[in-house]
Amino acid sequence: MTAAKGPAMPKGAPSLTEILIQTKDVPWRAKSLKGLHEKMLWRDEATGATISLNKFEKGAGIPKPHSHASNQFMFCLEGRYVYTATNTILTPGCFYCNPKGNVHGPTVAREESILVEIYDGPHYPQVPDWYTDEQDAR
């Protein structure tokens, strides 16, 4: 038996490979900001675009207002994650879109929170001072 071929890709389209990850089998990586953990699911090294799971322990959050170098998208899977300056609250099922350059934050997890986070390019224009490991800002 042979695998069925899908439609031909347009000329110049990137070569894509399917990815399947059982996220429960991927360990959480502690970031240098206390209480923040990550499971990186996908990264495009050429553009800086990423898809990750982020877990904030209760009381953890991003300590200062900041902006991003690309568009940020988040979907809340668990918890209660609050943007304290605007009282924007992400609860399970909430989708959040933050456009490139928009200043937002600080944030705090009112309970342990797990968020799917997507960037369509690099995360920050420069490494924020709350990270001591440059890898955490990618």
N, C-alpha and C. Protein backbone atom coordinates (compact mmCIF):
# COMPACT_ATOMS: atom_id res chain seq x y z
N MET A 1 0.85 -1.18 0.00
CA MET A 1 0.00 0.00 0.00
C MET A 1 0.89 1.24 0.00
N THR A 2 0.55 2.23 -0.78
CA THR A 2 1.33 3.45 -0.85
C THR A 2 0.53 4.60 -0.26
N ALA A 3 1.24 5.57 0.23
CA ALA A 3 0.57 6.74 0.80
C ALA A 3 -0.02 7.60 -0.31
N ALA A 4 -1.19 8.13 -0.06
CA ALA A 4 -1.81 9.01 -1.04
C ALA A 4 -1.07 10.34 -1.06
N LYS A 5 -0.91 10.88 -2.24
CA LYS A 5 -0.26 12.17 -2.38
C LYS A 5 -1.32 13.27 -2.33
N GLY A 6 -0.98 14.32 -1.60
CA GLY A 6 -1.87 15.47 -1.54
C GLY A 6 -1.69 16.34 -2.77
N PRO A 7 -2.40 17.45 -2.82
CA PRO A 7 -2.25 18.35 -3.97
C PRO A 7 -0.83 18.91 -4.02
N ALA A 8 -0.38 19.19 -5.21
CA ALA A 8 0.96 19.76 -5.39
C ALA A 8 1.00 21.15 -4.75
N MET A 9 2.12 21.42 -4.08
CA MET A 9 2.30 22.74 -3.47
C MET A 9 2.66 23.75 -4.54
N PRO A 10 2.23 25.00 -4.40
CA PRO A 10 2.61 26.02 -5.38
C PRO A 10 4.12 26.22 -5.42
N LYS A 11 4.64 26.62 -6.55
CA LYS A 11 6.07 26.87 -6.69
C LYS A 11 6.49 27.93 -5.66
N GLY A 12 7.60 27.65 -4.96
CA GLY A 12 8.11 28.60 -3.98
C GLY A 12 7.54 28.43 -2.58
N ALA A 13 6.53 27.55 -2.41
CA ALA A 13 5.95 27.31 -1.08
C ALA A 13 6.96 26.56 -0.23
N PRO A 14 6.99 26.84 1.08
CA PRO A 14 7.95 26.13 1.93
C PRO A 14 7.61 24.65 2.02
N SER A 15 8.63 23.84 2.20
CA SER A 15 8.43 22.42 2.42
C SER A 15 8.00 22.24 3.88
N LEU A 16 6.86 21.64 4.08
CA LEU A 16 6.34 21.47 5.44
C LEU A 16 6.35 20.01 5.83
N THR A 17 6.63 19.77 7.09
CA THR A 17 6.59 18.44 7.64
C THR A 17 5.57 18.46 8.76
N GLU A 18 4.73 17.44 8.80
CA GLU A 18 3.76 17.36 9.89
C GLU A 18 4.47 17.19 11.21
N ILE A 19 3.89 17.77 12.25
CA ILE A 19 4.44 17.66 13.60
C ILE A 19 3.33 17.18 14.51
N LEU A 20 3.62 16.19 15.33
CA LEU A 20 2.67 15.72 16.33
C LEU A 20 3.42 15.61 17.64
N ILE A 21 2.96 16.34 18.65
CA ILE A 21 3.60 16.35 19.96
C ILE A 21 2.55 16.03 21.00
N GLN A 22 2.82 15.06 21.85
CA GLN A 22 1.95 14.80 23.00
C GLN A 22 2.50 15.67 24.11
N THR A 23 1.84 16.80 24.35
CA THR A 23 2.39 17.81 25.26
C THR A 23 2.53 17.31 26.69
N LYS A 24 1.72 16.36 27.10
CA LYS A 24 1.85 15.85 28.47
C LYS A 24 3.18 15.14 28.68
N ASP A 25 3.81 14.69 27.59
CA ASP A 25 5.10 14.00 27.67
C ASP A 25 6.29 14.96 27.59
N VAL A 26 6.06 16.22 27.31
CA VAL A 26 7.13 17.21 27.22
C VAL A 26 7.29 17.85 28.60
N PRO A 27 8.50 17.86 29.15
CA PRO A 27 8.68 18.47 30.47
C PRO A 27 8.59 19.99 30.39
N TRP A 28 8.12 20.60 31.48
CA TRP A 28 8.12 22.05 31.59
C TRP A 28 9.56 22.51 31.79
N ARG A 29 9.95 23.58 31.11
CA ARG A 29 11.27 24.20 31.30
C ARG A 29 11.07 25.48 32.10
N ALA A 30 11.72 25.56 33.25
CA ALA A 30 11.62 26.78 34.06
C ALA A 30 12.35 27.91 33.35
N LYS A 31 11.68 29.06 33.24
CA LYS A 31 12.33 30.24 32.68
C LYS A 31 12.99 31.00 33.83
N SER A 32 13.79 32.00 33.49
CA SER A 32 14.52 32.74 34.51
C SER A 32 13.63 33.71 35.29
N LEU A 33 12.40 33.92 34.87
CA LEU A 33 11.42 34.68 35.65
C LEU A 33 10.73 33.69 36.58
N LYS A 34 10.88 33.89 37.86
CA LYS A 34 10.35 32.95 38.86
C LYS A 34 8.86 32.69 38.64
N GLY A 35 8.50 31.40 38.63
CA GLY A 35 7.11 31.01 38.51
C GLY A 35 6.61 30.83 37.10
N LEU A 36 7.47 31.03 36.09
CA LEU A 36 7.07 30.88 34.68
C LEU A 36 7.78 29.66 34.09
N HIS A 37 7.00 28.80 33.43
CA HIS A 37 7.52 27.57 32.82
C HIS A 37 7.00 27.49 31.39
N GLU A 38 7.77 26.83 30.53
CA GLU A 38 7.45 26.80 29.11
C GLU A 38 7.61 25.40 28.52
N LYS A 39 6.75 25.10 27.55
CA LYS A 39 6.92 23.95 26.67
C LYS A 39 6.92 24.52 25.26
N MET A 40 8.10 24.60 24.64
CA MET A 40 8.19 25.13 23.28
C MET A 40 7.72 24.04 22.32
N LEU A 41 6.69 24.35 21.53
CA LEU A 41 6.10 23.38 20.63
C LEU A 41 6.60 23.53 19.19
N TRP A 42 6.91 24.78 18.81
CA TRP A 42 7.33 25.03 17.43
C TRP A 42 8.05 26.37 17.37
N ARG A 43 9.11 26.41 16.59
CA ARG A 43 9.85 27.67 16.38
C ARG A 43 10.32 27.73 14.94
N ASP A 44 10.17 28.89 14.33
CA ASP A 44 10.74 29.16 13.01
C ASP A 44 11.98 30.02 13.25
N GLU A 45 13.14 29.42 13.14
CA GLU A 45 14.39 30.14 13.42
C GLU A 45 14.59 31.32 12.47
N ALA A 46 14.07 31.23 11.26
CA ALA A 46 14.26 32.30 10.28
C ALA A 46 13.48 33.56 10.64
N THR A 47 12.27 33.40 11.20
CA THR A 47 11.43 34.56 11.48
C THR A 47 11.29 34.88 12.96
N GLY A 48 11.59 33.92 13.83
CA GLY A 48 11.39 34.11 15.26
C GLY A 48 9.98 33.75 15.71
N ALA A 49 9.12 33.32 14.79
CA ALA A 49 7.76 32.93 15.15
C ALA A 49 7.80 31.68 16.03
N THR A 50 6.88 31.61 17.01
CA THR A 50 6.85 30.47 17.93
C THR A 50 5.42 30.13 18.33
N ILE A 51 5.27 28.89 18.79
CA ILE A 51 4.05 28.43 19.46
C ILE A 51 4.52 27.68 20.70
N SER A 52 4.00 28.07 21.86
CA SER A 52 4.42 27.43 23.11
C SER A 52 3.25 27.33 24.08
N LEU A 53 3.45 26.48 25.07
CA LEU A 53 2.58 26.46 26.24
C LEU A 53 3.34 27.17 27.36
N ASN A 54 2.68 28.05 28.07
CA ASN A 54 3.29 28.74 29.19
C ASN A 54 2.46 28.50 30.43
N LYS A 55 3.15 28.15 31.51
CA LYS A 55 2.48 27.94 32.79
C LYS A 55 3.00 28.97 33.78
N PHE A 56 2.07 29.74 34.34
CA PHE A 56 2.39 30.70 35.38
C PHE A 56 1.88 30.13 36.69
N GLU A 57 2.78 29.99 37.67
CA GLU A 57 2.34 29.58 39.00
C GLU A 57 1.49 30.70 39.60
N LYS A 58 0.63 30.36 40.53
CA LYS A 58 -0.19 31.36 41.20
C LYS A 58 0.71 32.45 41.77
N GLY A 59 0.40 33.71 41.47
CA GLY A 59 1.16 34.86 41.94
C GLY A 59 2.27 35.30 41.01
N ALA A 60 2.64 34.46 40.04
CA ALA A 60 3.69 34.83 39.08
C ALA A 60 3.09 35.68 37.97
N GLY A 61 3.93 36.41 37.27
CA GLY A 61 3.45 37.22 36.15
C GLY A 61 4.59 38.04 35.57
N ILE A 62 4.25 38.84 34.60
CA ILE A 62 5.21 39.74 33.97
C ILE A 62 5.18 41.05 34.77
N PRO A 63 6.33 41.48 35.31
CA PRO A 63 6.32 42.55 36.30
C PRO A 63 6.16 43.98 35.78
N LYS A 64 6.36 44.21 34.48
CA LYS A 64 6.37 45.59 33.98
C LYS A 64 5.59 45.72 32.68
N PRO A 65 5.11 46.94 32.39
CA PRO A 65 4.55 47.18 31.06
C PRO A 65 5.65 46.94 30.01
N HIS A 66 5.23 46.43 28.86
CA HIS A 66 6.18 46.11 27.80
C HIS A 66 5.45 46.01 26.47
N SER A 67 6.21 45.89 25.39
CA SER A 67 5.63 45.67 24.07
C SER A 67 6.39 44.55 23.40
N HIS A 68 5.86 44.09 22.27
CA HIS A 68 6.48 43.00 21.53
C HIS A 68 6.87 43.45 20.13
N ALA A 69 7.83 42.74 19.55
CA ALA A 69 8.32 43.05 18.22
C ALA A 69 7.46 42.42 17.13
N SER A 70 6.44 41.66 17.52
CA SER A 70 5.52 41.04 16.57
C SER A 70 4.16 40.89 17.24
N ASN A 71 3.21 40.37 16.51
CA ASN A 71 1.88 40.15 17.07
C ASN A 71 1.91 38.96 18.04
N GLN A 72 1.21 39.11 19.15
CA GLN A 72 1.13 38.07 20.18
C GLN A 72 -0.32 37.59 20.26
N PHE A 73 -0.48 36.27 20.30
CA PHE A 73 -1.80 35.66 20.43
C PHE A 73 -1.75 34.68 21.59
N MET A 74 -2.77 34.68 22.43
CA MET A 74 -2.81 33.73 23.54
C MET A 74 -4.21 33.15 23.66
N PHE A 75 -4.24 31.89 24.07
CA PHE A 75 -5.48 31.19 24.34
C PHE A 75 -5.33 30.56 25.72
N CYS A 76 -6.24 30.87 26.63
CA CYS A 76 -6.16 30.38 27.99
C CYS A 76 -6.78 28.98 28.08
N LEU A 77 -5.97 28.03 28.55
CA LEU A 77 -6.45 26.67 28.76
C LEU A 77 -6.93 26.45 30.19
N GLU A 78 -6.20 27.04 31.14
CA GLU A 78 -6.51 26.86 32.56
C GLU A 78 -6.17 28.13 33.31
N GLY A 79 -6.88 28.38 34.40
CA GLY A 79 -6.50 29.43 35.33
C GLY A 79 -7.22 30.75 35.18
N ARG A 80 -6.58 31.78 35.72
CA ARG A 80 -7.09 33.15 35.73
C ARG A 80 -5.87 34.05 35.64
N TYR A 81 -5.63 34.62 34.47
CA TYR A 81 -4.44 35.41 34.18
C TYR A 81 -4.88 36.84 33.91
N VAL A 82 -4.35 37.78 34.69
CA VAL A 82 -4.87 39.15 34.70
C VAL A 82 -3.83 40.17 34.23
N TYR A 83 -4.24 41.04 33.31
CA TYR A 83 -3.48 42.24 32.94
C TYR A 83 -3.96 43.32 33.90
N THR A 84 -3.12 43.63 34.88
CA THR A 84 -3.57 44.45 36.02
C THR A 84 -3.87 45.90 35.66
N ALA A 85 -3.19 46.49 34.70
CA ALA A 85 -3.43 47.90 34.36
C ALA A 85 -4.81 48.11 33.73
N THR A 86 -5.31 47.10 33.01
CA THR A 86 -6.60 47.24 32.32
C THR A 86 -7.67 46.32 32.87
N ASN A 87 -7.30 45.46 33.83
CA ASN A 87 -8.19 44.44 34.38
C ASN A 87 -8.74 43.51 33.30
N THR A 88 -7.91 43.25 32.28
CA THR A 88 -8.24 42.26 31.26
C THR A 88 -7.95 40.90 31.87
N ILE A 89 -8.94 40.02 31.90
CA ILE A 89 -8.81 38.74 32.59
C ILE A 89 -8.99 37.60 31.59
N LEU A 90 -7.97 36.75 31.50
CA LEU A 90 -8.04 35.56 30.66
C LEU A 90 -8.43 34.38 31.54
N THR A 91 -9.51 33.71 31.17
CA THR A 91 -9.99 32.51 31.84
C THR A 91 -10.11 31.42 30.78
N PRO A 92 -10.29 30.16 31.16
CA PRO A 92 -10.34 29.09 30.16
C PRO A 92 -11.32 29.41 29.02
N GLY A 93 -10.79 29.28 27.80
CA GLY A 93 -11.58 29.56 26.60
C GLY A 93 -11.38 30.95 26.05
N CYS A 94 -10.71 31.85 26.77
CA CYS A 94 -10.49 33.22 26.28
C CYS A 94 -9.34 33.26 25.28
N PHE A 95 -9.56 34.01 24.20
CA PHE A 95 -8.53 34.28 23.19
C PHE A 95 -8.12 35.73 23.34
N TYR A 96 -6.82 36.01 23.33
CA TYR A 96 -6.28 37.35 23.50
C TYR A 96 -5.34 37.64 22.34
N CYS A 97 -5.49 38.79 21.73
CA CYS A 97 -4.62 39.22 20.64
C CYS A 97 -4.03 40.56 21.01
N ASN A 98 -2.72 40.65 20.98
CA ASN A 98 -2.02 41.88 21.32
C ASN A 98 -1.17 42.29 20.12
N PRO A 99 -1.51 43.41 19.46
CA PRO A 99 -0.79 43.79 18.25
C PRO A 99 0.64 44.26 18.52
N LYS A 100 1.48 44.04 17.54
CA LYS A 100 2.88 44.46 17.57
C LYS A 100 2.99 45.91 18.06
N GLY A 101 3.90 46.13 19.02
CA GLY A 101 4.18 47.48 19.49
C GLY A 101 3.24 48.00 20.57
N ASN A 102 2.13 47.32 20.83
CA ASN A 102 1.17 47.78 21.84
C ASN A 102 1.74 47.55 23.25
N VAL A 103 1.78 48.60 24.06
CA VAL A 103 2.26 48.46 25.43
C VAL A 103 1.15 47.86 26.28
N HIS A 104 1.49 46.82 27.03
CA HIS A 104 0.51 46.13 27.88
C HIS A 104 1.24 45.58 29.10
N GLY A 105 0.48 45.09 30.07
CA GLY A 105 1.08 44.58 31.30
C GLY A 105 1.11 45.67 32.35
N PRO A 106 1.54 45.34 33.54
CA PRO A 106 2.02 44.06 34.03
C PRO A 106 0.88 43.03 34.15
N THR A 107 1.28 41.77 34.46
CA THR A 107 0.30 40.70 34.59
C THR A 107 0.55 39.91 35.87
N VAL A 108 -0.48 39.17 36.28
CA VAL A 108 -0.33 38.26 37.42
C VAL A 108 -1.32 37.11 37.25
N ALA A 109 -0.86 35.91 37.61
CA ALA A 109 -1.75 34.74 37.60
C ALA A 109 -2.43 34.67 38.96
N ARG A 110 -3.73 34.84 39.00
CA ARG A 110 -4.49 34.77 40.25
C ARG A 110 -4.62 33.33 40.73
N GLU A 111 -4.43 32.38 39.80
CA GLU A 111 -4.33 30.96 40.11
C GLU A 111 -3.43 30.37 39.03
N GLU A 112 -2.91 29.16 39.25
CA GLU A 112 -2.04 28.59 38.22
C GLU A 112 -2.74 28.69 36.87
N SER A 113 -2.01 29.18 35.88
CA SER A 113 -2.59 29.44 34.57
C SER A 113 -1.73 28.82 33.48
N ILE A 114 -2.40 28.19 32.51
CA ILE A 114 -1.70 27.63 31.36
C ILE A 114 -2.28 28.28 30.10
N LEU A 115 -1.36 28.84 29.29
CA LEU A 115 -1.74 29.59 28.11
C LEU A 115 -1.00 29.06 26.89
N VAL A 116 -1.71 28.94 25.78
CA VAL A 116 -1.06 28.73 24.49
C VAL A 116 -0.65 30.12 24.02
N GLU A 117 0.63 30.29 23.67
CA GLU A 117 1.11 31.60 23.24
C GLU A 117 1.74 31.46 21.87
N ILE A 118 1.34 32.35 20.96
CA ILE A 118 1.82 32.34 19.57
C ILE A 118 2.35 33.72 19.23
N TYR A 119 3.52 33.76 18.64
CA TYR A 119 4.08 34.99 18.08
C TYR A 119 4.30 34.76 16.60
N ASP A 120 3.99 35.77 15.78
CA ASP A 120 4.22 35.62 14.34
C ASP A 120 5.57 36.16 13.90
N GLY A 121 6.43 36.43 14.86
CA GLY A 121 7.79 36.90 14.61
C GLY A 121 8.54 36.95 15.93
N PRO A 122 9.60 37.74 16.01
CA PRO A 122 10.38 37.81 17.25
C PRO A 122 9.54 38.33 18.41
N HIS A 123 9.87 37.87 19.62
CA HIS A 123 9.07 38.22 20.80
C HIS A 123 9.27 39.67 21.24
N TYR A 124 10.49 40.09 21.40
CA TYR A 124 10.77 41.41 21.98
C TYR A 124 11.75 42.19 21.11
N PRO A 125 11.64 43.53 21.13
CA PRO A 125 12.64 44.34 20.42
C PRO A 125 14.01 44.25 21.10
N GLN A 126 14.01 43.99 22.42
CA GLN A 126 15.24 43.75 23.18
C GLN A 126 14.87 42.88 24.38
N VAL A 127 15.86 42.19 24.93
CA VAL A 127 15.60 41.28 26.04
C VAL A 127 15.12 42.07 27.25
N PRO A 128 13.93 41.76 27.79
CA PRO A 128 13.44 42.47 28.97
C PRO A 128 14.31 42.18 30.19
N ASP A 129 14.38 43.14 31.10
CA ASP A 129 15.27 42.99 32.26
C ASP A 129 14.77 41.97 33.28
N TRP A 130 13.55 41.46 33.13
CA TRP A 130 13.08 40.43 34.06
C TRP A 130 13.60 39.04 33.71
N TYR A 131 14.24 38.90 32.55
CA TYR A 131 14.88 37.64 32.18
C TYR A 131 16.39 37.75 32.35
N THR A 132 16.99 36.77 33.00
CA THR A 132 18.45 36.73 33.11
C THR A 132 19.05 35.78 32.07
N ASP A 133 18.21 35.02 31.38
CA ASP A 133 18.64 34.11 30.33
C ASP A 133 18.04 34.60 29.02
N GLU A 134 18.88 34.99 28.08
CA GLU A 134 18.42 35.54 26.80
C GLU A 134 17.49 34.58 26.05
N GLN A 135 17.69 33.27 26.24
CA GLN A 135 16.85 32.26 25.59
C GLN A 135 15.37 32.45 25.99
N ASP A 136 15.12 32.95 27.17
CA ASP A 136 13.75 33.10 27.66
C ASP A 136 12.96 34.18 26.90
N ALA A 137 13.64 35.04 26.19
CA ALA A 137 12.99 36.11 25.44
C ALA A 137 12.78 35.76 23.98
N ARG A 138 13.07 34.50 23.61
CA ARG A 138 12.91 34.06 22.22
C ARG A 138 11.65 33.25 22.06
